[in-house]
Amino acid sequence: MQPLTESIGKYLLTVVAPLIQNPDSAELRVAASDDGKYIRFRLILEQVDVARVIGRNGMTASAIRSLAKAAGDKQGVKVVVHILSKEEAAEEQA
């Protein structure tokens, strides 16, 4: 499962970097289930960058999520990608 997690993580950061103004501040958090059947990626960005990644009517985010999900489906793993601002991530942890 580690190679799958690394390859999807690289894909997410590679695709998102050209879309955002602050690529150095982008953070990717990964959580996996103990049985290895579920991986959750949390892409945490500056507030101004979240709208750019989500895109018009959510089309960009939908495409990013679809490709990540397809990569997981090939390995029998459910992949979920959440796109959050740093403020939203901080609220969830509080």
C-alpha atoms as a PDB file:
ATOM      1  CA  MET A   1       0.000   0.000   0.000  1.00  0.00           C
ATOM      2  CA  GLN A   2       2.949   2.346   0.596  1.00  0.00           C
ATOM      3  CA  PRO A   3       3.841   2.618  -3.140  1.00  0.00           C
ATOM      4  CA  LEU A   4       0.209   3.445  -3.956  1.00  0.00           C
ATOM      5  CA  THR A   5       0.085   6.112  -1.257  1.00  0.00           C
ATOM      6  CA  GLU A   6       3.336   7.664  -2.452  1.00  0.00           C
ATOM      7  CA  SER A   7       2.356   7.662  -6.125  1.00  0.00           C
ATOM      8  CA  ILE A   8      -1.065   9.235  -5.491  1.00  0.00           C
ATOM      9  CA  GLY A   9       0.527  11.770  -3.140  1.00  0.00           C
ATOM     10  CA  LYS A  10       3.076  12.761  -5.790  1.00  0.00           C
ATOM     11  CA  TYR A  11       0.293  12.978  -8.379  1.00  0.00           C
ATOM     12  CA  LEU A  12      -1.774  15.308  -6.168  1.00  0.00           C
ATOM     13  CA  LEU A  13       1.107  17.655  -5.428  1.00  0.00           C
ATOM     14  CA  THR A  14       2.298  17.655  -9.050  1.00  0.00           C
ATOM     15  CA  VAL A  15      -1.130  18.472 -10.446  1.00  0.00           C
ATOM     16  CA  VAL A  16      -1.982  21.107  -7.854  1.00  0.00           C
ATOM     17  CA  ALA A  17       1.355  22.981  -7.783  1.00  0.00           C
ATOM     18  CA  PRO A  18       0.890  24.837 -11.106  1.00  0.00           C
ATOM     19  CA  LEU A  19      -2.646  25.857 -10.156  1.00  0.00           C
ATOM     20  CA  ILE A  20      -1.865  27.600  -6.893  1.00  0.00           C
ATOM     21  CA  GLN A  21      -0.057  30.790  -5.876  1.00  0.00           C
ATOM     22  CA  ASN A  22       1.658  29.307  -2.812  1.00  0.00           C
ATOM     23  CA  PRO A  23       2.887  25.807  -3.732  1.00  0.00           C
ATOM     24  CA  ASP A  24       5.467  25.802  -0.937  1.00  0.00           C
ATOM     25  CA  SER A  25       2.746  26.090   1.685  1.00  0.00           C
ATOM     26  CA  ALA A  26       0.691  23.178   0.306  1.00  0.00           C
ATOM     27  CA  GLU A  27       0.484  20.303   2.758  1.00  0.00           C
ATOM     28  CA  LEU A  28      -0.633  16.739   2.135  1.00  0.00           C
ATOM     29  CA  ARG A  29      -1.826  14.592   5.026  1.00  0.00           C
ATOM     30  CA  VAL A  30      -2.506  10.920   4.538  1.00  0.00           C
ATOM     31  CA  ALA A  31      -4.555   8.564   6.698  1.00  0.00           C
ATOM     32  CA  ALA A  32      -5.028   4.891   5.904  1.00  0.00           C
ATOM     33  CA  SER A  33      -7.209   2.244   7.463  1.00  0.00           C
ATOM     34  CA  ASP A  34      -5.535  -0.599   9.331  1.00  0.00           C
ATOM     35  CA  ASP A  35      -6.738  -3.166   6.819  1.00  0.00           C
ATOM     36  CA  GLY A  36      -5.363  -1.138   3.890  1.00  0.00           C
ATOM     37  CA  LYS A  37      -8.694  -0.830   2.083  1.00  0.00           C
ATOM     38  CA  TYR A  38      -9.119   2.920   2.537  1.00  0.00           C
ATOM     39  CA  ILE A  39      -6.795   5.911   2.092  1.00  0.00           C
ATOM     40  CA  ARG A  40      -7.782   9.509   2.810  1.00  0.00           C
ATOM     41  CA  PHE A  41      -5.698  12.346   1.395  1.00  0.00           C
ATOM     42  CA  ARG A  42      -6.182  15.816   2.840  1.00  0.00           C
ATOM     43  CA  LEU A  43      -4.764  18.533   0.650  1.00  0.00           C
ATOM     44  CA  ILE A  44      -4.370  21.631   2.833  1.00  0.00           C
ATOM     45  CA  LEU A  45      -3.873  24.928   1.022  1.00  0.00           C
ATOM     46  CA  GLU A  46      -4.002  28.661   1.605  1.00  0.00           C
ATOM     47  CA  GLN A  47      -7.557  30.020   1.412  1.00  0.00           C
ATOM     48  CA  VAL A  48      -6.864  31.862  -1.853  1.00  0.00           C
ATOM     49  CA  ASP A  49      -5.603  28.648  -3.453  1.00  0.00           C
ATOM     50  CA  VAL A  50      -8.574  26.478  -2.487  1.00  0.00           C
ATOM     51  CA  ALA A  51     -10.880  28.202  -4.974  1.00  0.00           C
ATOM     52  CA  ARG A  52      -8.322  27.787  -7.750  1.00  0.00           C
ATOM     53  CA  VAL A  53      -8.021  24.052  -7.142  1.00  0.00           C
ATOM     54  CA  ILE A  54     -11.753  23.498  -6.832  1.00  0.00           C
ATOM     55  CA  GLY A  55     -12.325  25.294 -10.137  1.00  0.00           C
ATOM     56  CA  ARG A  56     -15.485  26.457 -11.815  1.00  0.00           C
ATOM     57  CA  ASN A  57     -18.434  24.418 -10.538  1.00  0.00           C
ATOM     58  CA  GLY A  58     -15.958  22.056  -8.872  1.00  0.00           C
ATOM     59  CA  MET A  59     -14.832  20.588 -12.178  1.00  0.00           C
ATOM     60  CA  THR A  60     -11.086  20.720 -11.474  1.00  0.00           C
ATOM     61  CA  ALA A  61     -11.443  19.120  -8.049  1.00  0.00           C
ATOM     62  CA  SER A  62     -13.748  16.491  -9.498  1.00  0.00           C
ATOM     63  CA  ALA A  63     -11.201  15.545 -12.149  1.00  0.00           C
ATOM     64  CA  ILE A  64      -8.380  15.372  -9.583  1.00  0.00           C
ATOM     65  CA  ARG A  65     -10.486  13.166  -7.299  1.00  0.00           C
ATOM     66  CA  SER A  66     -11.591  10.906 -10.159  1.00  0.00           C
ATOM     67  CA  LEU A  67      -8.027  10.144 -11.237  1.00  0.00           C
ATOM     68  CA  ALA A  68      -6.911   9.466  -7.652  1.00  0.00           C
ATOM     69  CA  LYS A  69      -9.938   7.216  -7.119  1.00  0.00           C
ATOM     70  CA  ALA A  70      -9.221   5.312 -10.344  1.00  0.00           C
ATOM     71  CA  ALA A  71      -5.637   4.657  -9.237  1.00  0.00           C
ATOM     72  CA  GLY A  72      -6.930   3.244  -5.969  1.00  0.00           C
ATOM     73  CA  ASP A  73      -9.631   1.160  -7.653  1.00  0.00           C
ATOM     74  CA  LYS A  74      -6.959  -0.650  -9.676  1.00  0.00           C
ATOM     75  CA  GLN A  75      -5.428  -1.819  -6.396  1.00  0.00           C
ATOM     76  CA  GLY A  76      -8.754  -2.500  -4.656  1.00  0.00           C
ATOM     77  CA  VAL A  77      -8.357   0.497  -2.352  1.00  0.00           C
ATOM     78  CA  LYS A  78     -10.936   3.226  -1.771  1.00  0.00           C
ATOM     79  CA  VAL A  79      -9.275   6.634  -2.176  1.00  0.00           C
ATOM     80  CA  VAL A  80     -10.842   9.872  -0.964  1.00  0.00           C
ATOM     81  CA  VAL A  81      -9.357  13.338  -1.526  1.00  0.00           C
ATOM     82  CA  HIS A  82     -10.405  16.300   0.632  1.00  0.00           C
ATOM     83  CA  ILE A  83      -9.353  19.836  -0.282  1.00  0.00           C
ATOM     84  CA  LEU A  84      -9.250  22.170   2.708  1.00  0.00           C
ATOM     85  CA  SER A  85      -7.965  25.593   3.608  1.00  0.00           C
ATOM     86  CA  LYS A  86      -5.479  25.894   6.464  1.00  0.00           C
ATOM     87  CA  GLU A  87      -8.218  27.536   8.533  1.00  0.00           C
ATOM     88  CA  GLU A  88     -10.633  24.642   7.969  1.00  0.00           C
ATOM     89  CA  ALA A  89      -7.940  22.123   8.891  1.00  0.00           C
ATOM     90  CA  ALA A  90      -7.160  24.017  12.082  1.00  0.00           C
ATOM     91  CA  GLU A  91     -10.858  24.083  13.049  1.00  0.00           C
ATOM     92  CA  GLU A  92     -11.135  20.319  12.572  1.00  0.00           C
ATOM     93  CA  GLN A  93      -8.180  19.704  14.870  1.00  0.00           C
ATOM     94  CA  ALA A  94      -9.498  21.989  17.613  1.00  0.00           C
END
